Amino acid sequence: MSALPVILGLLPIAAAFALTRRRRLDAIIGMAVFSLLLASAFFLLHAPDVAITEAAVGAALVTFIYVLAIRKTGRLTVVASEVPGLIERAGGQITGFEYEILERLAGRLGLDLVVQFVAREEIEDILLRGDADLGAGGILSDSDHRLLWAPPHLPTARFVIASRGPAAAVTEPVPFRGYVADTIDAVRRRSTLCMTVDLARFLAISRQNLDAYDVRRIEEDAETYAFVLGRSRGDLHRQLSALIVSLRASGDLDEMARRHFP
């Protein structure tokens, strides 16, 4: 049996694969396979010069250029503060309520999701520099005009954790900074603390013995978590907002919250 009919039969399959992939890298791989099959067909049709040109240009050079082009555009880059239940590393994988939303967003856009964990206070500056697409990890809704805020996706609250004693009583609580793991270590060591934390971080910290600290909830208007984006990412903001609205309308958002915060 001649190989030519087989190759000609595979050509439309490779073309259909490339055209129907949501992930850009998968589509590029499909195009490279199509070019290699086409080069093979030219060779079997006794056109080796055309086959070599197709393999060199179509399968090699064009594929290389496309891969370079999607190194950034093919990724959804997220900077996040690690928060148990919301977005965290566990067993070599990343899990959490917010991570599940981000996975769905990346899948809808056909992008590869890349998460970089940083200290909470670094997120806004990274977004303002344009070094990431989106910020996550227990970020409380804000009206900062320098950034774009997605619709709230989960209610929360704020708590004060303060060391006991006269000195702590006159100290003004400061907003949470740094990494939640460092705060947990500080609580284990019973270090001096006077800070405000959101609900998800409080739940993680409260697994430790808090006998050395006064803990109280701040009674004020309802607080919510939200994703934050740079102001140049209006297109991504619209896509993310639409996803959150649809997840809330379908009940999936509540189901995800129950799964990660039972």
C-alpha atoms as a PDB file:
ATOM      1  CA  MET A   1       0.000   0.000   0.000  1.00  0.00           C
ATOM      2  CA  SER A   2       1.366   3.405  -0.962  1.00  0.00           C
ATOM      3  CA  ALA A   3       2.026   5.859   1.846  1.00  0.00           C
ATOM      4  CA  LEU A   4       0.735   8.774  -0.211  1.00  0.00           C
ATOM      5  CA  PRO A   5      -3.021   8.084   0.291  1.00  0.00           C
ATOM      6  CA  VAL A   6      -2.431   7.716   4.022  1.00  0.00           C
ATOM      7  CA  ILE A   7      -0.600  11.051   4.197  1.00  0.00           C
ATOM      8  CA  LEU A   8      -3.256  12.777   2.098  1.00  0.00           C
ATOM      9  CA  GLY A   9      -5.901  11.378   4.447  1.00  0.00           C
ATOM     10  CA  LEU A  10      -4.050  12.650   7.496  1.00  0.00           C
ATOM     11  CA  LEU A  11      -3.689  16.194   6.117  1.00  0.00           C
ATOM     12  CA  PRO A  12      -7.315  17.300   6.764  1.00  0.00           C
ATOM     13  CA  ILE A  13      -7.187  15.661  10.205  1.00  0.00           C
ATOM     14  CA  ALA A  14      -4.062  17.639  11.139  1.00  0.00           C
ATOM     15  CA  ALA A  15      -5.607  20.823   9.733  1.00  0.00           C
ATOM     16  CA  ALA A  16      -8.827  20.287  11.708  1.00  0.00           C
ATOM     17  CA  PHE A  17      -6.805  19.646  14.883  1.00  0.00           C
ATOM     18  CA  ALA A  18      -4.861  22.894  14.450  1.00  0.00           C
ATOM     19  CA  LEU A  19      -7.985  24.937  13.741  1.00  0.00           C
ATOM     20  CA  THR A  20     -10.016  23.639  16.683  1.00  0.00           C
ATOM     21  CA  ARG A  21      -7.449  23.907  19.500  1.00  0.00           C
ATOM     22  CA  ARG A  22      -8.119  26.500  22.179  1.00  0.00           C
ATOM     23  CA  ARG A  23      -4.552  26.431  23.511  1.00  0.00           C
ATOM     24  CA  ARG A  24      -2.289  28.277  21.116  1.00  0.00           C
ATOM     25  CA  LEU A  25       0.644  25.940  21.624  1.00  0.00           C
ATOM     26  CA  ASP A  26      -1.515  22.946  20.677  1.00  0.00           C
ATOM     27  CA  ALA A  27      -2.593  24.763  17.505  1.00  0.00           C
ATOM     28  CA  ILE A  28       1.027  25.493  16.619  1.00  0.00           C
ATOM     29  CA  ILE A  29       1.941  21.840  17.098  1.00  0.00           C
ATOM     30  CA  GLY A  30      -0.939  20.905  14.804  1.00  0.00           C
ATOM     31  CA  MET A  31       0.334  23.322  12.153  1.00  0.00           C
ATOM     32  CA  ALA A  32       3.852  21.865  12.413  1.00  0.00           C
ATOM     33  CA  VAL A  33       2.508  18.341  11.941  1.00  0.00           C
ATOM     34  CA  PHE A  34       0.471  19.533   8.943  1.00  0.00           C
ATOM     35  CA  SER A  35       3.612  21.031   7.364  1.00  0.00           C
ATOM     36  CA  LEU A  36       5.593  17.827   7.919  1.00  0.00           C
ATOM     37  CA  LEU A  37       2.839  15.742   6.352  1.00  0.00           C
ATOM     38  CA  LEU A  38       2.679  18.152   3.426  1.00  0.00           C
ATOM     39  CA  ALA A  39       6.451  17.954   2.974  1.00  0.00           C
ATOM     40  CA  SER A  40       6.213  14.163   2.979  1.00  0.00           C
ATOM     41  CA  ALA A  41       3.507  14.291   0.312  1.00  0.00           C
ATOM     42  CA  PHE A  42       5.652  16.561  -1.880  1.00  0.00           C
ATOM     43  CA  PHE A  43       8.566  14.151  -1.489  1.00  0.00           C
ATOM     44  CA  LEU A  44       6.457  11.170  -2.533  1.00  0.00           C
ATOM     45  CA  LEU A  45       5.213  13.171  -5.527  1.00  0.00           C
ATOM     46  CA  HIS A  46       8.866  13.490  -6.628  1.00  0.00           C
ATOM     47  CA  ALA A  47       9.286  17.127  -5.690  1.00  0.00           C
ATOM     48  CA  PRO A  48      12.145  16.918  -3.170  1.00  0.00           C
ATOM     49  CA  ASP A  49      13.095  20.580  -3.524  1.00  0.00           C
ATOM     50  CA  VAL A  50       9.561  21.690  -2.616  1.00  0.00           C
ATOM     51  CA  ALA A  51       9.488  19.126   0.214  1.00  0.00           C
ATOM     52  CA  ILE A  52      12.726  20.466   1.707  1.00  0.00           C
ATOM     53  CA  THR A  53      11.449  24.054   1.466  1.00  0.00           C
ATOM     54  CA  GLU A  54       8.144  23.145   3.138  1.00  0.00           C
ATOM     55  CA  ALA A  55       9.908  21.275   5.953  1.00  0.00           C
ATOM     56  CA  ALA A  56      12.450  24.033   6.538  1.00  0.00           C
ATOM     57  CA  VAL A  57      10.076  26.979   6.320  1.00  0.00           C
ATOM     58  CA  GLY A  58       6.654  25.609   7.251  1.00  0.00           C
ATOM     59  CA  ALA A  59       7.576  23.064   9.908  1.00  0.00           C
ATOM     60  CA  ALA A  60      10.725  24.637  11.343  1.00  0.00           C
ATOM     61  CA  LEU A  61      11.016  28.385  10.805  1.00  0.00           C
ATOM     62  CA  VAL A  62       7.321  29.315  11.036  1.00  0.00           C
ATOM     63  CA  THR A  63       6.812  27.086  14.079  1.00  0.00           C
ATOM     64  CA  PHE A  64       9.810  28.677  15.789  1.00  0.00           C
ATOM     65  CA  ILE A  65       8.487  32.190  15.095  1.00  0.00           C
ATOM     66  CA  TYR A  66       5.025  31.300  16.433  1.00  0.00           C
ATOM     67  CA  VAL A  67       6.479  29.781  19.602  1.00  0.00           C
ATOM     68  CA  LEU A  68       8.478  32.960  20.205  1.00  0.00           C
ATOM     69  CA  ALA A  69       5.370  35.055  19.586  1.00  0.00           C
ATOM     70  CA  ILE A  70       3.263  33.228  22.184  1.00  0.00           C
ATOM     71  CA  ARG A  71       5.873  33.135  24.918  1.00  0.00           C
ATOM     72  CA  LYS A  72       3.956  35.970  26.596  1.00  0.00           C
ATOM     73  CA  THR A  73       0.723  36.220  24.670  1.00  0.00           C
ATOM     74  CA  GLY A  74       0.060  32.508  25.180  1.00  0.00           C
ATOM     75  CA  ARG A  75       0.150  32.816  28.966  1.00  0.00           C
ATOM     76  CA  LEU A  76      -2.112  34.151  31.664  1.00  0.00           C
ATOM     77  CA  THR A  77       0.417  35.380  34.225  1.00  0.00           C
ATOM     78  CA  VAL A  78      -0.920  35.754  37.756  1.00  0.00           C
ATOM     79  CA  VAL A  79       0.883  37.150  40.791  1.00  0.00           C
ATOM     80  CA  ALA A  80      -0.625  35.870  43.993  1.00  0.00           C
ATOM     81  CA  SER A  81      -0.192  35.954  47.718  1.00  0.00           C
ATOM     82  CA  GLU A  82      -0.414  32.359  48.929  1.00  0.00           C
ATOM     83  CA  VAL A  83      -3.543  31.878  51.056  1.00  0.00           C
ATOM     84  CA  PRO A  84      -4.797  28.446  52.204  1.00  0.00           C
ATOM     85  CA  GLY A  85      -8.162  27.664  50.644  1.00  0.00           C
ATOM     86  CA  LEU A  86      -7.907  30.464  48.091  1.00  0.00           C
ATOM     87  CA  ILE A  87      -4.689  29.751  46.198  1.00  0.00           C
ATOM     88  CA  GLU A  88      -1.871  27.639  47.594  1.00  0.00           C
ATOM     89  CA  ARG A  89       0.782  25.066  46.777  1.00  0.00           C
ATOM     90  CA  ALA A  90      -0.043  21.561  47.951  1.00  0.00           C
ATOM     91  CA  GLY A  91       1.792  18.383  47.011  1.00  0.00           C
ATOM     92  CA  GLY A  92       3.565  19.951  44.052  1.00  0.00           C
ATOM     93  CA  GLN A  93       0.322  21.368  42.643  1.00  0.00           C
ATOM     94  CA  ILE A  94      -1.584  24.613  43.034  1.00  0.00           C
ATOM     95  CA  THR A  95      -5.120  24.392  44.383  1.00  0.00           C
ATOM     96  CA  GLY A  96      -7.792  26.609  45.885  1.00  0.00           C
ATOM     97  CA  PHE A  97     -11.020  28.467  45.226  1.00  0.00           C
ATOM     98  CA  GLU A  98      -9.424  31.357  43.329  1.00  0.00           C
ATOM     99  CA  TYR A  99      -7.119  29.029  41.419  1.00  0.00           C
ATOM    100  CA  GLU A 100     -10.117  27.088  40.136  1.00  0.00           C
ATOM    101  CA  ILE A 101     -11.632  30.321  38.801  1.00  0.00           C
ATOM    102  CA  LEU A 102      -8.332  31.235  37.149  1.00  0.00           C
ATOM    103  CA  GLU A 103      -8.082  27.780  35.557  1.00  0.00           C
ATOM    104  CA  ARG A 104     -11.513  28.251  34.021  1.00  0.00           C
ATOM    105  CA  LEU A 105     -10.552  31.711  32.765  1.00  0.00           C
ATOM    106  CA  ALA A 106      -7.336  30.405  31.188  1.00  0.00           C
ATOM    107  CA  GLY A 107      -9.232  27.538  29.565  1.00  0.00           C
ATOM    108  CA  ARG A 108     -11.839  29.906  28.174  1.00  0.00           C
ATOM    109  CA  LEU A 109      -9.116  32.113  26.683  1.00  0.00           C
ATOM    110  CA  GLY A 110      -6.976  29.233  25.438  1.00  0.00           C
ATOM    111  CA  LEU A 111      -3.997  30.363  27.545  1.00  0.00           C
ATOM    112  CA  ASP A 112      -1.528  28.575  29.804  1.00  0.00           C
ATOM    113  CA  LEU A 113      -1.960  29.603  33.444  1.00  0.00           C
ATOM    114  CA  VAL A 114       1.266  30.684  35.174  1.00  0.00           C
ATOM    115  CA  VAL A 115       1.173  31.626  38.878  1.00  0.00           C
ATOM    116  CA  GLN A 116       3.990  33.453  40.658  1.00  0.00           C
ATOM    117  CA  PHE A 117       3.749  33.690  44.453  1.00  0.00           C
ATOM    118  CA  VAL A 118       4.883  36.966  46.026  1.00  0.00           C
ATOM    119  CA  ALA A 119       4.353  38.923  49.225  1.00  0.00           C
ATOM    120  CA  ARG A 120       0.923  40.548  49.474  1.00  0.00           C
ATOM    121  CA  GLU A 121       2.251  44.117  49.313  1.00  0.00           C
ATOM    122  CA  GLU A 122       4.121  43.492  46.046  1.00  0.00           C
ATOM    123  CA  ILE A 123       1.086  42.626  43.920  1.00  0.00           C
ATOM    124  CA  GLU A 124      -0.114  46.132  43.014  1.00  0.00           C
ATOM    125  CA  ASP A 125       3.365  47.343  42.064  1.00  0.00           C
ATOM    126  CA  ILE A 126       3.927  44.329  39.808  1.00  0.00           C
ATOM    127  CA  LEU A 127       0.626  44.969  38.035  1.00  0.00           C
ATOM    128  CA  LEU A 128       1.372  48.670  37.633  1.00  0.00           C
ATOM    129  CA  ARG A 129       4.703  47.804  36.006  1.00  0.00           C
ATOM    130  CA  GLY A 130       2.899  45.505  33.591  1.00  0.00           C
ATOM    131  CA  ASP A 131       4.896  42.442  34.670  1.00  0.00           C
ATOM    132  CA  ALA A 132       1.763  40.324  35.223  1.00  0.00           C
ATOM    133  CA  ASP A 133      -1.797  40.185  33.943  1.00  0.00           C
ATOM    134  CA  LEU A 134      -3.733  39.696  37.140  1.00  0.00           C
ATOM    135  CA  GLY A 135      -3.415  39.722  40.926  1.00  0.00           C
ATOM    136  CA  ALA A 136      -4.961  37.172  43.277  1.00  0.00           C
ATOM    137  CA  GLY A 137      -4.661  35.738  46.748  1.00  0.00           C
ATOM    138  CA  GLY A 138      -7.057  37.187  49.293  1.00  0.00           C
ATOM    139  CA  ILE A 139      -7.166  40.722  47.908  1.00  0.00           C
ATOM    140  CA  LEU A 140      -9.913  42.824  49.481  1.00  0.00           C
ATOM    141  CA  SER A 141     -12.058  44.874  47.112  1.00  0.00           C
ATOM    142  CA  ASP A 142     -10.729  48.401  46.785  1.00  0.00           C
ATOM    143  CA  SER A 143     -11.473  51.609  44.918  1.00  0.00           C
ATOM    144  CA  ASP A 144      -7.843  52.280  43.917  1.00  0.00           C
ATOM    145  CA  HIS A 145      -8.284  54.129  40.614  1.00  0.00           C
ATOM    146  CA  ARG A 146      -4.881  52.976  39.364  1.00  0.00           C
ATOM    147  CA  LEU A 147      -6.138  49.409  38.927  1.00  0.00           C
ATOM    148  CA  LEU A 148      -9.122  47.513  37.554  1.00  0.00           C
ATOM    149  CA  TRP A 149     -11.164  45.457  40.002  1.00  0.00           C
ATOM    150  CA  ALA A 150     -13.144  42.411  38.934  1.00  0.00           C
ATOM    151  CA  PRO A 151     -16.564  41.787  40.499  1.00  0.00           C
ATOM    152  CA  PRO A 152     -16.308  40.366  44.048  1.00  0.00           C
ATOM    153  CA  HIS A 153     -16.244  36.580  44.110  1.00  0.00           C
ATOM    154  CA  LEU A 154     -16.321  35.688  47.821  1.00  0.00           C
ATOM    155  CA  PRO A 155     -17.407  37.454  51.020  1.00  0.00           C
ATOM    156  CA  THR A 156     -14.894  37.791  53.829  1.00  0.00           C
ATOM    157  CA  ALA A 157     -14.280  39.655  57.079  1.00  0.00           C
ATOM    158  CA  ARG A 158     -11.360  41.235  58.891  1.00  0.00           C
ATOM    159  CA  PHE A 159      -9.878  40.288  62.257  1.00  0.00           C
ATOM    160  CA  VAL A 160      -7.347  41.889  64.569  1.00  0.00           C
ATOM    161  CA  ILE A 161      -4.679  39.653  66.082  1.00  0.00           C
ATOM    162  CA  ALA A 162      -2.740  41.492  68.795  1.00  0.00           C
ATOM    163  CA  SER A 163      -0.296  40.374  71.452  1.00  0.00           C
ATOM    164  CA  ARG A 164      -1.602  40.789  74.974  1.00  0.00           C
ATOM    165  CA  GLY A 165      -0.185  43.458  77.260  1.00  0.00           C
ATOM    166  CA  PRO A 166      -0.281  47.223  77.847  1.00  0.00           C
ATOM    167  CA  ALA A 167       2.028  48.024  74.932  1.00  0.00           C
ATOM    168  CA  ALA A 168      -0.153  46.141  72.471  1.00  0.00           C
ATOM    169  CA  ALA A 169      -3.279  47.912  73.708  1.00  0.00           C
ATOM    170  CA  VAL A 170      -2.053  51.280  72.420  1.00  0.00           C
ATOM    171  CA  THR A 171      -0.582  49.958  69.179  1.00  0.00           C
ATOM    172  CA  GLU A 172      -2.575  50.576  66.014  1.00  0.00           C
ATOM    173  CA  PRO A 173      -3.110  47.334  64.048  1.00  0.00           C
ATOM    174  CA  VAL A 174      -1.381  47.328  60.667  1.00  0.00           C
ATOM    175  CA  PRO A 175      -2.705  45.583  57.543  1.00  0.00           C
ATOM    176  CA  PHE A 176      -1.295  42.131  56.801  1.00  0.00           C
ATOM    177  CA  ARG A 177       2.012  42.139  54.928  1.00  0.00           C
ATOM    178  CA  GLY A 178       4.434  39.462  53.792  1.00  0.00           C
ATOM    179  CA  TYR A 179       3.617  35.764  53.678  1.00  0.00           C
ATOM    180  CA  VAL A 180       0.998  33.916  55.703  1.00  0.00           C
ATOM    181  CA  ALA A 181       3.504  31.120  56.426  1.00  0.00           C
ATOM    182  CA  ASP A 182       5.766  33.652  58.160  1.00  0.00           C
ATOM    183  CA  THR A 183       2.863  34.865  60.300  1.00  0.00           C
ATOM    184  CA  ILE A 184       2.019  31.291  61.267  1.00  0.00           C
ATOM    185  CA  ASP A 185       5.648  30.759  62.321  1.00  0.00           C
ATOM    186  CA  ALA A 186       5.497  33.986  64.342  1.00  0.00           C
ATOM    187  CA  VAL A 187       2.387  32.760  66.156  1.00  0.00           C
ATOM    188  CA  ARG A 188       4.090  29.456  66.927  1.00  0.00           C
ATOM    189  CA  ARG A 189       6.971  31.421  68.473  1.00  0.00           C
ATOM    190  CA  ARG A 190       4.487  33.727  70.226  1.00  0.00           C
ATOM    191  CA  SER A 191       6.149  36.755  68.658  1.00  0.00           C
ATOM    192  CA  THR A 192       4.688  40.234  69.137  1.00  0.00           C
ATOM    193  CA  LEU A 193       1.933  40.909  66.598  1.00  0.00           C
ATOM    194  CA  CYS A 194      -0.675  43.596  66.028  1.00  0.00           C
ATOM    195  CA  MET A 195      -2.220  43.213  62.599  1.00  0.00           C
ATOM    196  CA  THR A 196      -5.464  42.920  60.691  1.00  0.00           C
ATOM    197  CA  VAL A 197      -6.033  39.837  58.551  1.00  0.00           C
ATOM    198  CA  ASP A 198      -8.833  38.688  56.279  1.00  0.00           C
ATOM    199  CA  LEU A 199     -10.980  35.622  56.974  1.00  0.00           C
ATOM    200  CA  ALA A 200      -9.069  33.078  54.872  1.00  0.00           C
ATOM    201  CA  ARG A 201      -5.727  34.020  56.425  1.00  0.00           C
ATOM    202  CA  PHE A 202      -7.311  34.108  59.875  1.00  0.00           C
ATOM    203  CA  LEU A 203      -8.637  30.566  59.424  1.00  0.00           C
ATOM    204  CA  ALA A 204      -5.133  29.386  58.524  1.00  0.00           C
ATOM    205  CA  ILE A 205      -3.492  31.244  61.427  1.00  0.00           C
ATOM    206  CA  SER A 206      -6.153  30.186  63.937  1.00  0.00           C
ATOM    207  CA  ARG A 207      -5.130  26.533  63.537  1.00  0.00           C
ATOM    208  CA  GLN A 208      -2.281  27.524  65.864  1.00  0.00           C
ATOM    209  CA  ASN A 209      -2.636  28.248  69.576  1.00  0.00           C
ATOM    210  CA  LEU A 210      -3.729  31.899  69.900  1.00  0.00           C
ATOM    211  CA  ASP A 211      -3.799  32.006  73.708  1.00  0.00           C
ATOM    212  CA  ALA A 212      -1.052  34.648  73.720  1.00  0.00           C
ATOM    213  CA  TYR A 213      -3.124  37.002  71.548  1.00  0.00           C
ATOM    214  CA  ASP A 214      -6.306  39.021  71.727  1.00  0.00           C
ATOM    215  CA  VAL A 215      -8.487  38.319  68.720  1.00  0.00           C
ATOM    216  CA  ARG A 216     -11.490  40.345  67.650  1.00  0.00           C
ATOM    217  CA  ARG A 217     -13.542  40.761  64.529  1.00  0.00           C
ATOM    218  CA  ILE A 218     -13.776  44.217  63.004  1.00  0.00           C
ATOM    219  CA  GLU A 219     -17.436  45.109  62.768  1.00  0.00           C
ATOM    220  CA  GLU A 220     -17.949  47.144  59.615  1.00  0.00           C
ATOM    221  CA  ASP A 221     -19.527  46.945  56.179  1.00  0.00           C
ATOM    222  CA  ALA A 222     -19.289  43.592  54.402  1.00  0.00           C
ATOM    223  CA  GLU A 223     -15.878  42.875  52.901  1.00  0.00           C
ATOM    224  CA  THR A 224     -15.263  40.834  49.758  1.00  0.00           C
ATOM    225  CA  TYR A 225     -12.384  39.292  47.862  1.00  0.00           C
ATOM    226  CA  ALA A 226     -11.731  40.331  44.262  1.00  0.00           C
ATOM    227  CA  PHE A 227      -9.155  39.884  41.525  1.00  0.00           C
ATOM    228  CA  VAL A 228      -7.226  42.970  40.454  1.00  0.00           C
ATOM    229  CA  LEU A 229      -5.741  43.875  37.061  1.00  0.00           C
ATOM    230  CA  GLY A 230      -3.621  46.586  35.490  1.00  0.00           C
ATOM    231  CA  ARG A 231      -5.598  49.331  33.785  1.00  0.00           C
ATOM    232  CA  SER A 232      -4.295  48.308  30.350  1.00  0.00           C
ATOM    233  CA  ARG A 233      -5.982  44.906  30.654  1.00  0.00           C
ATOM    234  CA  GLY A 234      -9.539  46.015  29.946  1.00  0.00           C
ATOM    235  CA  ASP A 235     -10.089  43.085  27.596  1.00  0.00           C
ATOM    236  CA  LEU A 236      -9.077  40.571  30.249  1.00  0.00           C
ATOM    237  CA  HIS A 237     -11.146  42.427  32.843  1.00  0.00           C
ATOM    238  CA  ARG A 238     -14.269  42.022  30.701  1.00  0.00           C
ATOM    239  CA  GLN A 239     -13.613  38.301  30.196  1.00  0.00           C
ATOM    240  CA  LEU A 240     -12.998  37.700  33.907  1.00  0.00           C
ATOM    241  CA  SER A 241     -16.036  39.740  34.946  1.00  0.00           C
ATOM    242  CA  ALA A 242     -18.256  37.792  32.551  1.00  0.00           C
ATOM    243  CA  LEU A 243     -16.906  34.491  33.919  1.00  0.00           C
ATOM    244  CA  ILE A 244     -17.560  35.435  37.551  1.00  0.00           C
ATOM    245  CA  VAL A 245     -21.085  36.592  36.718  1.00  0.00           C
ATOM    246  CA  SER A 246     -21.825  33.346  34.878  1.00  0.00           C
ATOM    247  CA  LEU A 247     -20.359  31.190  37.674  1.00  0.00           C
ATOM    248  CA  ARG A 248     -22.482  33.007  40.227  1.00  0.00           C
ATOM    249  CA  ALA A 249     -25.642  32.704  38.116  1.00  0.00           C
ATOM    250  CA  SER A 250     -25.124  28.962  37.595  1.00  0.00           C
ATOM    251  CA  GLY A 251     -24.439  28.267  41.267  1.00  0.00           C
ATOM    252  CA  ASP A 252     -20.944  26.962  40.472  1.00  0.00           C
ATOM    253  CA  LEU A 253     -19.311  29.748  42.491  1.00  0.00           C
ATOM    254  CA  ASP A 254     -21.150  28.728  45.671  1.00  0.00           C
ATOM    255  CA  GLU A 255     -20.372  25.049  45.069  1.00  0.00           C
ATOM    256  CA  MET A 256     -16.664  25.834  44.632  1.00  0.00           C
ATOM    257  CA  ALA A 257     -16.669  27.889  47.847  1.00  0.00           C
ATOM    258  CA  ARG A 258     -18.260  25.018  49.806  1.00  0.00           C
ATOM    259  CA  ARG A 259     -15.680  22.600  48.427  1.00  0.00           C
ATOM    260  CA  HIS A 260     -12.673  24.689  49.421  1.00  0.00           C
ATOM    261  CA  PHE A 261     -14.133  26.088  52.669  1.00  0.00           C
ATOM    262  CA  PRO A 262     -16.267  23.216  54.054  1.00  0.00           C
END
